[in-house]
């Protein structure tokens, strides 16, 4: 989140209206609901994790052991089992 000076962005009249409610404080203005992005959409993290999870499921179905996959991907065995279960069900 980047802080910006309202006087540099907003019309003077709007700044005065806002100052009736808040002065000298930080004011968070949220993104409009319809413009919000889901977690990982901006950075590509979601896609990378999905690719990793598919790789884990393929390796498991090719005979890799849960314990080996946990060590290889630095995850717990419980996480590996959860990933395999979710991959069986398919995308939500």
PDB file of N, CA and C in Angstrom:
ATOM      1  N   UNK A   1       0.856  -1.170   0.000  1.00  0.00           N
ATOM      2  CA  UNK A   1       0.000   0.000   0.000  1.00  0.00           C
ATOM      3  C   UNK A   1       0.897   1.227   0.000  1.00  0.00           C
ATOM      4  N   UNK A   2       0.547   2.154  -0.849  1.00  0.00           N
ATOM      5  CA  UNK A   2       1.342   3.364  -0.989  1.00  0.00           C
ATOM      6  C   UNK A   2       0.548   4.555  -0.455  1.00  0.00           C
ATOM      7  N   UNK A   3       1.174   5.338   0.402  1.00  0.00           N
ATOM      8  CA  UNK A   3       0.519   6.539   0.930  1.00  0.00           C
ATOM      9  C   UNK A   3       0.698   7.677  -0.062  1.00  0.00           C
ATOM     10  N   UNK A   4      -0.376   8.436  -0.264  1.00  0.00           N
ATOM     11  CA  UNK A   4      -0.328   9.568  -1.170  1.00  0.00           C
ATOM     12  C   UNK A   4      -0.972  10.773  -0.503  1.00  0.00           C
ATOM     13  N   UNK A   5      -0.503  11.952  -0.850  1.00  0.00           N
ATOM     14  CA  UNK A   5      -1.034  13.184  -0.292  1.00  0.00           C
ATOM     15  C   UNK A   5      -2.332  13.526  -1.014  1.00  0.00           C
ATOM     16  N   UNK A   6      -3.426  13.598  -0.267  1.00  0.00           N
ATOM     17  CA  UNK A   6      -4.735  13.875  -0.850  1.00  0.00           C
ATOM     18  C   UNK A   6      -4.745  15.201  -1.599  1.00  0.00           C
ATOM     19  N   UNK A   7      -4.001  16.182  -1.108  1.00  0.00           N
ATOM     20  CA  UNK A   7      -3.981  17.495  -1.761  1.00  0.00           C
ATOM     21  C   UNK A   7      -3.359  17.425  -3.153  1.00  0.00           C
ATOM     22  N   UNK A   8      -2.539  16.431  -3.370  1.00  0.00           N
ATOM     23  CA  UNK A   8      -1.902  16.282  -4.680  1.00  0.00           C
ATOM     24  C   UNK A   8      -2.807  15.527  -5.662  1.00  0.00           C
ATOM     25  N   UNK A   9      -3.800  14.808  -5.148  1.00  0.00           N
ATOM     26  CA  UNK A   9      -4.627  13.954  -5.998  1.00  0.00           C
ATOM     27  C   UNK A   9      -6.064  14.434  -6.166  1.00  0.00           C
ATOM     28  N   UNK A  10      -6.618  14.996  -5.110  1.00  0.00           N
ATOM     29  CA  UNK A  10      -8.046  15.285  -5.084  1.00  0.00           C
ATOM     30  C   UNK A  10      -8.330  16.772  -5.257  1.00  0.00           C
ATOM     31  N   UNK A  11      -9.517  17.073  -5.754  1.00  0.00           N
ATOM     32  CA  UNK A  11      -9.905  18.482  -5.844  1.00  0.00           C
ATOM     33  C   UNK A  11      -9.957  19.118  -4.449  1.00  0.00           C
ATOM     34  N   UNK A  12      -9.628  20.395  -4.382  1.00  0.00           N
ATOM     35  CA  UNK A  12      -9.561  21.113  -3.106  1.00  0.00           C
ATOM     36  C   UNK A  12     -10.867  20.988  -2.318  1.00  0.00           C
ATOM     37  N   UNK A  13     -11.979  21.090  -2.987  1.00  0.00           N
ATOM     38  CA  UNK A  13     -13.286  20.996  -2.322  1.00  0.00           C
ATOM     39  C   UNK A  13     -13.490  19.627  -1.666  1.00  0.00           C
ATOM     40  N   UNK A  14     -13.076  18.579  -2.353  1.00  0.00           N
ATOM     41  CA  UNK A  14     -13.207  17.233  -1.798  1.00  0.00           C
ATOM     42  C   UNK A  14     -12.301  17.062  -0.579  1.00  0.00           C
ATOM     43  N   UNK A  15     -11.098  17.603  -0.632  1.00  0.00           N
ATOM     44  CA  UNK A  15     -10.179  17.535   0.515  1.00  0.00           C
ATOM     45  C   UNK A  15     -10.813  18.219   1.721  1.00  0.00           C
ATOM     46  N   UNK A  16     -11.407  19.389   1.509  1.00  0.00           N
ATOM     47  CA  UNK A  16     -12.070  20.098   2.622  1.00  0.00           C
ATOM     48  C   UNK A  16     -13.222  19.267   3.187  1.00  0.00           C
ATOM     49  N   UNK A  17     -13.992  18.620   2.326  1.00  0.00           N
ATOM     50  CA  UNK A  17     -15.093  17.771   2.804  1.00  0.00           C
ATOM     51  C   UNK A  17     -14.562  16.619   3.656  1.00  0.00           C
ATOM     52  N   UNK A  18     -13.494  15.993   3.216  1.00  0.00           N
ATOM     53  CA  UNK A  18     -12.903  14.876   3.966  1.00  0.00           C
ATOM     54  C   UNK A  18     -12.345  15.374   5.292  1.00  0.00           C
ATOM     55  N   UNK A  19     -11.770  16.581   5.305  1.00  0.00           N
ATOM     56  CA  UNK A  19     -11.192  17.130   6.531  1.00  0.00           C
ATOM     57  C   UNK A  19     -12.247  17.367   7.608  1.00  0.00           C
ATOM     58  N   UNK A  20     -13.492  17.454   7.236  1.00  0.00           N
ATOM     59  CA  UNK A  20     -14.550  17.580   8.253  1.00  0.00           C
ATOM     60  C   UNK A  20     -14.654  16.309   9.093  1.00  0.00           C
ATOM     61  N   UNK A  21     -14.207  15.190   8.558  1.00  0.00           N
ATOM     62  CA  UNK A  21     -14.293  13.913   9.265  1.00  0.00           C
ATOM     63  C   UNK A  21     -12.959  13.468   9.832  1.00  0.00           C
ATOM     64  N   UNK A  22     -11.879  13.769   9.116  1.00  0.00           N
ATOM     65  CA  UNK A  22     -10.554  13.282   9.499  1.00  0.00           C
ATOM     66  C   UNK A  22      -9.522  14.329   9.112  1.00  0.00           C
ATOM     67  N   UNK A  23      -8.588  14.612  10.037  1.00  0.00           N
ATOM     68  CA  UNK A  23      -7.514  15.555   9.737  1.00  0.00           C
ATOM     69  C   UNK A  23      -6.198  15.004  10.260  1.00  0.00           C
ATOM     70  N   UNK A  24      -5.178  15.096   9.454  1.00  0.00           N
ATOM     71  CA  UNK A  24      -3.837  14.703   9.886  1.00  0.00           C
ATOM     72  C   UNK A  24      -3.689  13.230  10.178  1.00  0.00           C
ATOM     73  N   UNK A  25      -4.562  12.404   9.646  1.00  0.00           N
ATOM     74  CA  UNK A  25      -4.495  10.955   9.865  1.00  0.00           C
ATOM     75  C   UNK A  25      -4.398  10.237   8.535  1.00  0.00           C
ATOM     76  N   UNK A  26      -4.006   8.992   8.610  1.00  0.00           N
ATOM     77  CA  UNK A  26      -4.026   8.158   7.416  1.00  0.00           C
ATOM     78  C   UNK A  26      -5.437   7.646   7.228  1.00  0.00           C
ATOM     79  N   UNK A  27      -5.892   7.650   6.011  1.00  0.00           N
ATOM     80  CA  UNK A  27      -7.237   7.196   5.687  1.00  0.00           C
ATOM     81  C   UNK A  27      -7.117   6.134   4.606  1.00  0.00           C
ATOM     82  N   UNK A  28      -7.589   4.937   4.905  1.00  0.00           N
ATOM     83  CA  UNK A  28      -7.543   3.852   3.929  1.00  0.00           C
ATOM     84  C   UNK A  28      -8.805   3.895   3.087  1.00  0.00           C
ATOM     85  N   UNK A  29      -8.641   3.909   1.793  1.00  0.00           N
ATOM     86  CA  UNK A  29      -9.777   3.869   0.878  1.00  0.00           C
ATOM     87  C   UNK A  29      -9.704   2.532   0.153  1.00  0.00           C
ATOM     88  N   UNK A  30     -10.627   1.618   0.452  1.00  0.00           N
ATOM     89  CA  UNK A  30     -10.548   0.271  -0.123  1.00  0.00           C
ATOM     90  C   UNK A  30     -10.852   0.256  -1.625  1.00  0.00           C
ATOM     91  N   UNK A  31     -10.390  -0.791  -2.265  1.00  0.00           N
ATOM     92  CA  UNK A  31     -10.668  -1.014  -3.681  1.00  0.00           C
ATOM     93  C   UNK A  31     -12.149  -1.368  -3.816  1.00  0.00           C
ATOM     94  N   UNK A  32     -12.760  -0.898  -4.881  1.00  0.00           N
ATOM     95  CA  UNK A  32     -14.161  -1.254  -5.116  1.00  0.00           C
ATOM     96  C   UNK A  32     -14.273  -2.772  -5.229  1.00  0.00           C
ATOM     97  N   UNK A  33     -15.323  -3.319  -4.669  1.00  0.00           N
ATOM     98  CA  UNK A  33     -15.506  -4.772  -4.596  1.00  0.00           C
ATOM     99  C   UNK A  33     -15.351  -5.444  -5.965  1.00  0.00           C
ATOM    100  N   UNK A  34     -15.931  -4.863  -6.990  1.00  0.00           N
ATOM    101  CA  UNK A  34     -15.877  -5.483  -8.319  1.00  0.00           C
ATOM    102  C   UNK A  34     -14.491  -5.416  -8.957  1.00  0.00           C
ATOM    103  N   UNK A  35     -13.594  -4.599  -8.397  1.00  0.00           N
ATOM    104  CA  UNK A  35     -12.237  -4.482  -8.937  1.00  0.00           C
ATOM    105  C   UNK A  35     -11.210  -5.280  -8.143  1.00  0.00           C
ATOM    106  N   UNK A  36     -11.629  -5.883  -7.023  1.00  0.00           N
ATOM    107  CA  UNK A  36     -10.705  -6.641  -6.187  1.00  0.00           C
ATOM    108  C   UNK A  36     -10.203  -7.873  -6.927  1.00  0.00           C
ATOM    109  N   UNK A  37      -8.938  -8.184  -6.703  1.00  0.00           N
ATOM    110  CA  UNK A  37      -8.347  -9.380  -7.273  1.00  0.00           C
ATOM    111  C   UNK A  37      -8.234 -10.435  -6.175  1.00  0.00           C
ATOM    112  N   UNK A  38      -8.303 -11.666  -6.564  1.00  0.00           N
ATOM    113  CA  UNK A  38      -8.128 -12.770  -5.627  1.00  0.00           C
ATOM    114  C   UNK A  38      -6.653 -12.881  -5.253  1.00  0.00           C
ATOM    115  N   UNK A  39      -6.387 -13.568  -4.146  1.00  0.00           N
ATOM    116  CA  UNK A  39      -5.023 -13.762  -3.696  1.00  0.00           C
ATOM    117  C   UNK A  39      -4.226 -14.450  -4.797  1.00  0.00           C
ATOM    118  N   UNK A  40      -3.041 -13.937  -5.077  1.00  0.00           N
ATOM    119  CA  UNK A  40      -2.124 -14.557  -6.019  1.00  0.00           C
ATOM    120  C   UNK A  40      -2.341 -14.166  -7.469  1.00  0.00           C
ATOM    121  N   UNK A  41      -3.432 -13.470  -7.780  1.00  0.00           N
ATOM    122  CA  UNK A  41      -3.695 -13.097  -9.172  1.00  0.00           C
ATOM    123  C   UNK A  41      -2.670 -12.091  -9.688  1.00  0.00           C
ATOM    124  N   UNK A  42      -2.263 -11.170  -8.869  1.00  0.00           N
ATOM    125  CA  UNK A  42      -1.329 -10.128  -9.314  1.00  0.00           C
ATOM    126  C   UNK A  42       0.105 -10.633  -9.421  1.00  0.00           C
ATOM    127  N   UNK A  43       0.486 -11.527  -8.547  1.00  0.00           N
ATOM    128  CA  UNK A  43       1.880 -11.964  -8.480  1.00  0.00           C
ATOM    129  C   UNK A  43       2.151 -13.267  -9.219  1.00  0.00           C
ATOM    130  N   UNK A  44       1.113 -14.010  -9.539  1.00  0.00           N
ATOM    131  CA  UNK A  44       1.301 -15.308 -10.177  1.00  0.00           C
ATOM    132  C   UNK A  44       1.522 -16.424  -9.179  1.00  0.00           C
ATOM    133  N   UNK A  45       1.451 -16.112  -7.884  1.00  0.00           N
ATOM    134  CA  UNK A  45       1.679 -17.125  -6.843  1.00  0.00           C
ATOM    135  C   UNK A  45       0.661 -18.254  -6.927  1.00  0.00           C
ATOM    136  N   UNK A  46      -0.579 -17.901  -7.190  1.00  0.00           N
ATOM    137  CA  UNK A  46      -1.637 -18.915  -7.262  1.00  0.00           C
ATOM    138  C   UNK A  46      -1.321 -19.938  -8.356  1.00  0.00           C
ATOM    139  N   UNK A  47      -0.876 -19.452  -9.506  1.00  0.00           N
ATOM    140  CA  UNK A  47      -0.561 -20.338 -10.628  1.00  0.00           C
ATOM    141  C   UNK A  47       0.629 -21.236 -10.289  1.00  0.00           C
ATOM    142  N   UNK A  48       1.649 -20.671  -9.671  1.00  0.00           N
ATOM    143  CA  UNK A  48       2.833 -21.457  -9.299  1.00  0.00           C
ATOM    144  C   UNK A  48       2.480 -22.570  -8.317  1.00  0.00           C
ATOM    145  N   UNK A  49       1.641 -22.267  -7.341  1.00  0.00           N
ATOM    146  CA  UNK A  49       1.245 -23.281  -6.358  1.00  0.00           C
ATOM    147  C   UNK A  49       0.396 -24.359  -7.017  1.00  0.00           C
ATOM    148  N   UNK A  50      -0.497 -23.969  -7.914  1.00  0.00           N
ATOM    149  CA  UNK A  50      -1.320 -24.953  -8.620  1.00  0.00           C
ATOM    150  C   UNK A  50      -0.449 -25.879  -9.462  1.00  0.00           C
ATOM    151  N   UNK A  51       0.549 -25.331 -10.138  1.00  0.00           N
ATOM    152  CA  UNK A  51       1.478 -26.154 -10.925  1.00  0.00           C
ATOM    153  C   UNK A  51       2.258 -27.106 -10.020  1.00  0.00           C
ATOM    154  N   UNK A  52       2.705 -26.599  -8.868  1.00  0.00           N
ATOM    155  CA  UNK A  52       3.425 -27.451  -7.911  1.00  0.00           C
ATOM    156  C   UNK A  52       2.531 -28.580  -7.424  1.00  0.00           C
ATOM    157  N   UNK A  53       1.274 -28.253  -7.116  1.00  0.00           N
ATOM    158  CA  UNK A  53       0.339 -29.265  -6.615  1.00  0.00           C
ATOM    159  C   UNK A  53       0.056 -30.335  -7.666  1.00  0.00           C
ATOM    160  N   UNK A  54      -0.044 -29.929  -8.930  1.00  0.00           N
ATOM    161  CA  UNK A  54      -0.242 -30.905 -10.004  1.00  0.00           C
ATOM    162  C   UNK A  54       0.975 -31.804 -10.138  1.00  0.00           C
ATOM    163  N   UNK A  55       2.142 -31.222  -9.988  1.00  0.00           N
ATOM    164  CA  UNK A  55       3.383 -31.997 -10.050  1.00  0.00           C
ATOM    165  C   UNK A  55       3.431 -33.021  -8.906  1.00  0.00           C
ATOM    166  N   UNK A  56       3.010 -32.609  -7.718  1.00  0.00           N
ATOM    167  CA  UNK A  56       2.972 -33.517  -6.572  1.00  0.00           C
ATOM    168  C   UNK A  56       2.014 -34.674  -6.846  1.00  0.00           C
ATOM    169  N   UNK A  57       0.826 -34.370  -7.354  1.00  0.00           N
ATOM    170  CA  UNK A  57      -0.173 -35.413  -7.624  1.00  0.00           C
ATOM    171  C   UNK A  57       0.331 -36.382  -8.690  1.00  0.00           C
ATOM    172  N   UNK A  58       0.956 -35.860  -9.759  1.00  0.00           N
ATOM    173  CA  UNK A  58       1.485 -36.736 -10.809  1.00  0.00           C
ATOM    174  C   UNK A  58       2.571 -37.657 -10.256  1.00  0.00           C
ATOM    175  N   UNK A  59       3.459 -37.093  -9.441  1.00  0.00           N
ATOM    176  CA  UNK A  59       4.539 -37.896  -8.861  1.00  0.00           C
ATOM    177  C   UNK A  59       3.974 -38.988  -7.961  1.00  0.00           C
ATOM    178  N   UNK A  60       2.955 -38.641  -7.175  1.00  0.00           N
ATOM    179  CA  UNK A  60       2.330 -39.624  -6.283  1.00  0.00           C
ATOM    180  C   UNK A  60       1.703 -40.755  -7.094  1.00  0.00           C
ATOM    181  N   UNK A  61       0.986 -40.405  -8.148  1.00  0.00           N
ATOM    182  CA  UNK A  61       0.312 -41.417  -8.965  1.00  0.00           C
ATOM    183  C   UNK A  61       1.310 -42.231  -9.794  1.00  0.00           C
ATOM    184  N   UNK A  62       2.528 -41.725  -9.898  1.00  0.00           N
ATOM    185  CA  UNK A  62       3.587 -42.470 -10.585  1.00  0.00           C
ATOM    186  C   UNK A  62       4.376 -43.341  -9.621  1.00  0.00           C
ATOM    187  N   UNK A  63       3.986 -43.324  -8.344  1.00  0.00           N
ATOM    188  CA  UNK A  63       4.620 -44.222  -7.382  1.00  0.00           C
ATOM    189  C   UNK A  63       5.453 -43.564  -6.296  1.00  0.00           C
ATOM    190  N   UNK A  64       5.599 -42.265  -6.304  1.00  0.00           N
ATOM    191  CA  UNK A  64       6.387 -41.596  -5.264  1.00  0.00           C
ATOM    192  C   UNK A  64       5.653 -41.722  -3.925  1.00  0.00           C
ATOM    193  N   UNK A  65       6.406 -41.849  -2.869  1.00  0.00           N
ATOM    194  CA  UNK A  65       5.828 -41.951  -1.529  1.00  0.00           C
ATOM    195  C   UNK A  65       5.550 -40.565  -0.953  1.00  0.00           C
ATOM    196  N   UNK A  66       4.541 -40.505  -0.092  1.00  0.00           N
ATOM    197  CA  UNK A  66       4.165 -39.246   0.543  1.00  0.00           C
ATOM    198  C   UNK A  66       5.351 -38.663   1.301  1.00  0.00           C
ATOM    199  N   UNK A  67       6.068 -39.503   2.012  1.00  0.00           N
ATOM    200  CA  UNK A  67       7.213 -39.041   2.800  1.00  0.00           C
ATOM    201  C   UNK A  67       8.283 -38.410   1.901  1.00  0.00           C
ATOM    202  N   UNK A  68       8.548 -39.047   0.756  1.00  0.00           N
ATOM    203  CA  UNK A  68       9.533 -38.515  -0.189  1.00  0.00           C
ATOM    204  C   UNK A  68       9.081 -37.160  -0.738  1.00  0.00           C
ATOM    205  N   UNK A  69       7.807 -37.059  -1.088  1.00  0.00           N
ATOM    206  CA  UNK A  69       7.276 -35.812  -1.646  1.00  0.00           C
ATOM    207  C   UNK A  69       7.334 -34.690  -0.615  1.00  0.00           C
ATOM    208  N   UNK A  70       7.062 -35.040   0.638  1.00  0.00           N
ATOM    209  CA  UNK A  70       7.120 -34.035   1.707  1.00  0.00           C
ATOM    210  C   UNK A  70       8.532 -33.467   1.824  1.00  0.00           C
ATOM    211  N   UNK A  71       9.519 -34.333   1.750  1.00  0.00           N
ATOM    212  CA  UNK A  71      10.904 -33.878   1.835  1.00  0.00           C
ATOM    213  C   UNK A  71      11.306 -33.073   0.597  1.00  0.00           C
ATOM    214  N   UNK A  72      10.896 -33.545  -0.560  1.00  0.00           N
ATOM    215  CA  UNK A  72      11.267 -32.887  -1.815  1.00  0.00           C
ATOM    216  C   UNK A  72      10.681 -31.480  -1.923  1.00  0.00           C
ATOM    217  N   UNK A  73       9.430 -31.315  -1.474  1.00  0.00           N
ATOM    218  CA  UNK A  73       8.746 -30.033  -1.630  1.00  0.00           C
ATOM    219  C   UNK A  73       8.717 -29.215  -0.334  1.00  0.00           C
ATOM    220  N   UNK A  74       9.396 -29.693   0.699  1.00  0.00           N
ATOM    221  CA  UNK A  74       9.477 -28.980   1.985  1.00  0.00           C
ATOM    222  C   UNK A  74       8.079 -28.710   2.563  1.00  0.00           C
ATOM    223  N   UNK A  75       7.241 -29.735   2.529  1.00  0.00           N
ATOM    224  CA  UNK A  75       5.892 -29.662   3.087  1.00  0.00           C
ATOM    225  C   UNK A  75       5.716 -30.800   4.075  1.00  0.00           C
ATOM    226  N   UNK A  76       4.689 -30.711   4.895  1.00  0.00           N
ATOM    227  CA  UNK A  76       4.398 -31.816   5.803  1.00  0.00           C
ATOM    228  C   UNK A  76       3.702 -32.935   5.027  1.00  0.00           C
ATOM    229  N   UNK A  77       3.761 -34.124   5.578  1.00  0.00           N
ATOM    230  CA  UNK A  77       3.065 -35.255   4.955  1.00  0.00           C
ATOM    231  C   UNK A  77       1.557 -34.987   4.909  1.00  0.00           C
ATOM    232  N   UNK A  78       1.050 -34.350   5.937  1.00  0.00           N
ATOM    233  CA  UNK A  78      -0.368 -33.987   5.962  1.00  0.00           C
ATOM    234  C   UNK A  78      -0.713 -33.071   4.783  1.00  0.00           C
ATOM    235  N   UNK A  79       0.143 -32.095   4.499  1.00  0.00           N
ATOM    236  CA  UNK A  79      -0.095 -31.180   3.370  1.00  0.00           C
ATOM    237  C   UNK A  79      -0.060 -31.931   2.039  1.00  0.00           C
ATOM    238  N   UNK A  80       0.860 -32.854   1.903  1.00  0.00           N
ATOM    239  CA  UNK A  80       0.953 -33.640   0.670  1.00  0.00           C
ATOM    240  C   UNK A  80      -0.328 -34.449   0.468  1.00  0.00           C
ATOM    241  N   UNK A  81      -0.805 -35.091   1.517  1.00  0.00           N
ATOM    242  CA  UNK A  81      -2.056 -35.871   1.408  1.00  0.00           C
ATOM    243  C   UNK A  81      -3.239 -34.977   1.036  1.00  0.00           C
ATOM    244  N   UNK A  82      -3.285 -33.789   1.627  1.00  0.00           N
ATOM    245  CA  UNK A  82      -4.375 -32.848   1.329  1.00  0.00           C
ATOM    246  C   UNK A  82      -4.317 -32.428  -0.142  1.00  0.00           C
ATOM    247  N   UNK A  83      -3.134 -32.142  -0.640  1.00  0.00           N
ATOM    248  CA  UNK A  83      -2.957 -31.752  -2.043  1.00  0.00           C
ATOM    249  C   UNK A  83      -3.406 -32.882  -2.967  1.00  0.00           C
ATOM    250  N   UNK A  84      -3.019 -34.096  -2.648  1.00  0.00           N
ATOM    251  CA  UNK A  84      -3.393 -35.251  -3.474  1.00  0.00           C
ATOM    252  C   UNK A  84      -4.911 -35.422  -3.487  1.00  0.00           C
ATOM    253  N   UNK A  85      -5.544 -35.297  -2.315  1.00  0.00           N
ATOM    254  CA  UNK A  85      -7.013 -35.398  -2.238  1.00  0.00           C
ATOM    255  C   UNK A  85      -7.675 -34.334  -3.101  1.00  0.00           C
ATOM    256  N   UNK A  86      -7.215 -33.098  -2.992  1.00  0.00           N
ATOM    257  CA  UNK A  86      -7.813 -32.000  -3.770  1.00  0.00           C
ATOM    258  C   UNK A  86      -7.609 -32.195  -5.258  1.00  0.00           C
ATOM    259  N   UNK A  87      -6.444 -32.706  -5.656  1.00  0.00           N
ATOM    260  CA  UNK A  87      -6.181 -32.915  -7.071  1.00  0.00           C
ATOM    261  C   UNK A  87      -7.074 -34.019  -7.631  1.00  0.00           C
ATOM    262  N   UNK A  88      -7.425 -35.010  -6.819  1.00  0.00           N
ATOM    263  CA  UNK A  88      -8.347 -36.060  -7.258  1.00  0.00           C
ATOM    264  C   UNK A  88      -9.710 -35.502  -7.577  1.00  0.00           C
ATOM    265  N   UNK A  89     -10.153 -34.539  -6.754  1.00  0.00           N
ATOM    266  CA  UNK A  89     -11.476 -33.925  -6.926  1.00  0.00           C
ATOM    267  C   UNK A  89     -11.517 -33.005  -8.140  1.00  0.00           C
ATOM    268  N   UNK A  90     -10.363 -32.478  -8.528  1.00  0.00           N
ATOM    269  CA  UNK A  90     -10.320 -31.558  -9.666  1.00  0.00           C
ATOM    270  C   UNK A  90     -10.489 -30.132  -9.221  1.00  0.00           C
ATOM    271  N   UNK A  91     -10.417 -29.198 -10.173  1.00  0.00           N
ATOM    272  CA  UNK A  91     -10.524 -27.769  -9.833  1.00  0.00           C
ATOM    273  C   UNK A  91     -11.901 -27.417  -9.302  1.00  0.00           C
ATOM    274  N   UNK A  92     -11.907 -26.445  -8.370  1.00  0.00           N
ATOM    275  CA  UNK A  92     -13.179 -26.015  -7.792  1.00  0.00           C
ATOM    276  C   UNK A  92     -13.875 -25.004  -8.654  1.00  0.00           C
TER     277      UNK A  92
END
